[in-house]
């Protein structure tokens, strides 16, 4: 299975288990895959504005940078007060991609988001629609947010391990080790004339 297929399967699994949107980006921060395939209704409304979309993308860049520098999970709030998390996909210590989950309403942040909505001046977005979408959003407490972030980090770690194993399987050393372990059971049954077990 190719790396991109593994990442896509992982995004689907995370969304199925947690209900949280997960997105894959490449090392240049270009979106490769997202599941489900659209932003939440709140974010779709925000992105009707070119100026607000720029702010969204700037928040994403901040998340990528924080994750790449720390080489770890990075949790942050966007310009509208929603929460997102980014985990780096590393290969030999180099960041080759990112897994992002987000568009979550943090516990106790509803009034703050509502205030940010009231301060918007762009006519391309509907404040009434944003408030309606906000009312429909469930709050995510810190414990569940960090649990989801850990799942994201473990998923990224799995990808790193898979890529390491794939590279290792191509080495001569791995071939020798595999041969020895596959034949160890047979060798253990063979006894020399003196009664010693050949290992």
Protein backbone atom coordinates (compact mmCIF):
# COMPACT_ATOMS: atom_id res chain seq x y z
CA UNK A 1 0.00 0.00 0.00
CA UNK A 2 1.38 3.42 -0.99
CA UNK A 3 1.93 6.18 1.58
CA UNK A 4 -0.91 8.33 0.23
CA UNK A 5 -3.34 5.38 0.41
CA UNK A 6 -2.34 4.75 4.03
CA UNK A 7 -2.91 8.40 4.91
CA UNK A 8 -6.31 8.44 3.21
CA UNK A 9 -7.39 5.30 5.02
CA UNK A 10 -6.19 6.83 8.27
CA UNK A 11 -8.20 10.02 7.71
CA UNK A 12 -11.32 7.97 7.05
CA UNK A 13 -10.76 5.94 10.21
CA UNK A 14 -10.20 9.01 12.40
CA UNK A 15 -13.37 10.64 11.08
CA UNK A 16 -15.35 7.43 11.55
CA UNK A 17 -14.23 7.00 15.16
CA UNK A 18 -14.15 10.62 16.35
CA UNK A 19 -16.43 12.42 13.91
CA UNK A 20 -13.64 14.96 13.44
CA UNK A 21 -12.60 16.27 10.03
CA UNK A 22 -9.04 15.27 9.08
CA UNK A 23 -6.94 16.65 6.23
CA UNK A 24 -3.63 15.57 4.66
CA UNK A 25 -1.16 18.15 3.37
CA UNK A 26 2.14 17.57 1.59
CA UNK A 27 5.46 19.11 2.68
CA UNK A 28 4.65 22.28 0.69
CA UNK A 29 1.39 22.61 2.64
CA UNK A 30 -0.73 21.71 -0.39
CA UNK A 31 -3.90 19.80 0.42
CA UNK A 32 -3.70 16.18 -0.74
CA UNK A 33 -6.85 14.69 0.79
CA UNK A 34 -9.62 15.66 3.17
CA UNK A 35 -12.40 13.67 4.77
CA UNK A 36 -15.21 14.59 4.77
CA UNK A 37 -14.60 16.38 1.51
CA UNK A 38 -15.88 19.84 2.51
CA UNK A 39 -15.35 22.38 5.30
CA UNK A 40 -17.94 22.53 8.04
CA UNK A 41 -20.86 24.89 7.30
CA UNK A 42 -19.42 27.58 9.57
CA UNK A 43 -16.06 27.60 7.76
CA UNK A 44 -17.69 27.46 4.33
CA UNK A 45 -19.60 30.63 5.20
CA UNK A 46 -16.41 32.32 6.45
CA UNK A 47 -14.57 31.40 3.26
CA UNK A 48 -17.10 33.24 1.11
CA UNK A 49 -14.97 36.24 2.01
CA UNK A 50 -11.61 36.56 0.28
CA UNK A 51 -10.20 38.58 3.19
CA UNK A 52 -11.35 36.06 5.80
CA UNK A 53 -10.06 33.17 3.67
CA UNK A 54 -6.62 34.79 3.76
CA UNK A 55 -6.84 34.82 7.56
CA UNK A 56 -7.83 31.14 7.52
CA UNK A 57 -4.83 30.25 5.38
CA UNK A 58 -2.52 32.30 7.60
CA UNK A 59 -3.77 30.34 10.63
CA UNK A 60 -3.06 27.10 8.74
CA UNK A 61 0.47 28.28 7.95
CA UNK A 62 1.01 29.09 11.63
CA UNK A 63 -0.08 25.56 12.51
CA UNK A 64 2.23 23.98 9.93
CA UNK A 65 5.18 26.06 11.13
CA UNK A 66 4.57 25.24 14.79
CA UNK A 67 4.28 21.55 14.00
CA UNK A 68 7.36 21.51 11.74
CA UNK A 69 9.54 23.36 14.26
CA UNK A 70 8.51 21.23 17.23
CA UNK A 71 8.30 18.02 15.16
CA UNK A 72 5.27 17.28 17.32
CA UNK A 73 1.54 17.88 17.59
CA UNK A 74 0.65 21.58 17.55
CA UNK A 75 -2.74 22.80 18.82
CA UNK A 76 -3.99 26.33 18.12
CA UNK A 77 -7.11 28.46 17.67
CA UNK A 78 -7.99 30.05 14.35
CA UNK A 79 -8.95 33.71 13.86
CA UNK A 80 -12.61 32.84 14.53
CA UNK A 81 -11.84 31.00 17.76
CA UNK A 82 -12.21 27.41 16.53
CA UNK A 83 -9.56 24.87 17.44
CA UNK A 84 -7.30 22.84 15.15
CA UNK A 85 -4.32 20.51 15.58
CA UNK A 86 -1.47 19.62 13.23
CA UNK A 87 0.90 16.64 13.41
CA UNK A 88 3.96 16.31 11.17
CA UNK A 89 4.65 13.21 9.07
CA UNK A 90 8.42 12.72 9.33
CA UNK A 91 10.82 10.69 7.23
CA UNK A 92 14.41 10.45 8.46
CA UNK A 93 13.80 13.50 10.63
CA UNK A 94 12.48 15.56 7.69
CA UNK A 95 8.88 16.77 7.51
CA UNK A 96 7.30 15.24 4.40
CA UNK A 97 3.68 16.08 5.16
CA UNK A 98 1.10 17.05 7.76
CA UNK A 99 -2.09 15.60 9.23
CA UNK A 100 -4.56 18.23 10.40
CA UNK A 101 -7.80 17.89 12.34
CA UNK A 102 -10.00 20.74 13.19
CA UNK A 103 -12.97 23.05 13.02
CA UNK A 104 -13.75 22.20 16.63
CA UNK A 105 -15.51 24.48 19.08
CA UNK A 106 -13.55 24.46 22.35
CA UNK A 107 -15.51 24.09 25.57
CA UNK A 108 -16.59 27.48 26.91
CA UNK A 109 -15.59 29.32 23.71
CA UNK A 110 -19.08 29.81 22.23
CA UNK A 111 -19.49 33.38 23.55
CA UNK A 112 -16.02 34.33 22.30
CA UNK A 113 -16.80 33.02 18.80
CA UNK A 114 -20.16 34.81 18.85
CA UNK A 115 -18.35 38.06 19.74
CA UNK A 116 -15.95 37.56 16.82
CA UNK A 117 -18.92 37.04 14.51
CA UNK A 118 -20.51 40.31 15.71
CA UNK A 119 -17.28 42.18 14.91
CA UNK A 120 -17.18 41.01 11.26
CA UNK A 121 -17.74 43.76 8.71
CA UNK A 122 -17.50 41.78 5.47
CA UNK A 123 -20.86 41.83 3.64
CA UNK A 124 -20.06 38.59 1.81
CA UNK A 125 -20.71 36.54 4.95
CA UNK A 126 -23.98 36.23 6.80
CA UNK A 127 -23.73 36.79 10.55
CA UNK A 128 -27.15 35.16 11.01
CA UNK A 129 -25.95 32.05 9.16
CA UNK A 130 -22.73 31.94 11.19
CA UNK A 131 -24.66 32.17 14.45
CA UNK A 132 -27.01 29.40 13.30
CA UNK A 133 -24.06 27.16 12.41
CA UNK A 134 -22.40 28.03 15.71
CA UNK A 135 -25.54 27.05 17.64
CA UNK A 136 -25.45 23.64 15.94
CA UNK A 137 -21.82 22.96 16.88
CA UNK A 138 -21.04 20.73 19.85
CA UNK A 139 -18.38 21.91 22.26
CA UNK A 140 -15.25 19.79 22.61
CA UNK A 141 -13.66 19.77 26.05
CA UNK A 142 -9.90 19.92 26.48
CA UNK A 143 -9.67 16.22 27.40
CA UNK A 144 -11.37 15.08 24.18
CA UNK A 145 -9.45 17.61 22.09
CA UNK A 146 -6.11 16.34 23.38
CA UNK A 147 -7.24 12.72 22.98
CA UNK A 148 -8.08 13.42 19.33
CA UNK A 149 -4.73 15.18 18.92
CA UNK A 150 -2.94 12.15 20.35
CA UNK A 151 -4.76 9.89 17.87
CA UNK A 152 -3.53 12.23 15.13
CA UNK A 153 0.04 12.08 16.48
CA UNK A 154 -0.09 8.28 16.75
CA UNK A 155 -1.37 8.09 13.19
CA UNK A 156 1.56 10.20 11.99
CA UNK A 157 3.93 7.99 14.01
CA UNK A 158 2.42 4.89 12.37
CA UNK A 159 3.11 6.38 8.95
CA UNK A 160 6.74 7.03 9.95
CA UNK A 161 7.10 3.45 11.21
CA UNK A 162 5.53 2.03 8.05
CA UNK A 163 7.92 4.01 5.87
CA UNK A 164 10.89 2.95 8.04
CA UNK A 165 9.87 -0.71 7.78
CA UNK A 166 9.40 -0.43 4.04
CA UNK A 167 12.89 1.02 3.66
CA UNK A 168 14.37 -1.56 5.99
CA UNK A 169 12.85 -4.47 4.08
CA UNK A 170 14.93 -3.45 1.10
CA UNK A 171 18.23 -4.00 2.96
CA UNK A 172 20.36 -7.15 2.85
CA UNK A 173 20.52 -7.24 6.65
CA UNK A 174 16.74 -7.49 6.89
CA UNK A 175 16.72 -10.34 4.37
CA UNK A 176 19.25 -12.28 6.42
CA UNK A 177 17.39 -11.68 9.68
CA UNK A 178 14.10 -12.75 8.12
CA UNK A 179 15.65 -15.92 6.73
CA UNK A 180 17.14 -16.83 10.13
CA UNK A 181 13.91 -16.23 12.08
CA UNK A 182 11.75 -18.05 9.53
CA UNK A 183 14.04 -21.08 9.73
CA UNK A 184 14.81 -20.93 13.45
CA UNK A 185 12.06 -23.42 14.27
CA UNK A 186 13.47 -25.94 11.80
CA UNK A 187 17.03 -25.46 12.98
CA UNK A 188 16.06 -25.88 16.64
CA UNK A 189 14.74 -29.37 15.90
CA UNK A 190 17.98 -30.52 14.35
CA UNK A 191 20.31 -32.18 16.84
CA UNK A 192 23.89 -32.95 16.29
CA UNK A 193 25.25 -36.44 16.97
CA UNK A 194 26.49 -35.24 20.36
CA UNK A 195 23.00 -34.23 21.44
CA UNK A 196 23.42 -30.46 21.24
CA UNK A 197 20.65 -28.40 19.72
CA UNK A 198 21.84 -26.39 16.75
CA UNK A 199 20.66 -22.77 17.09
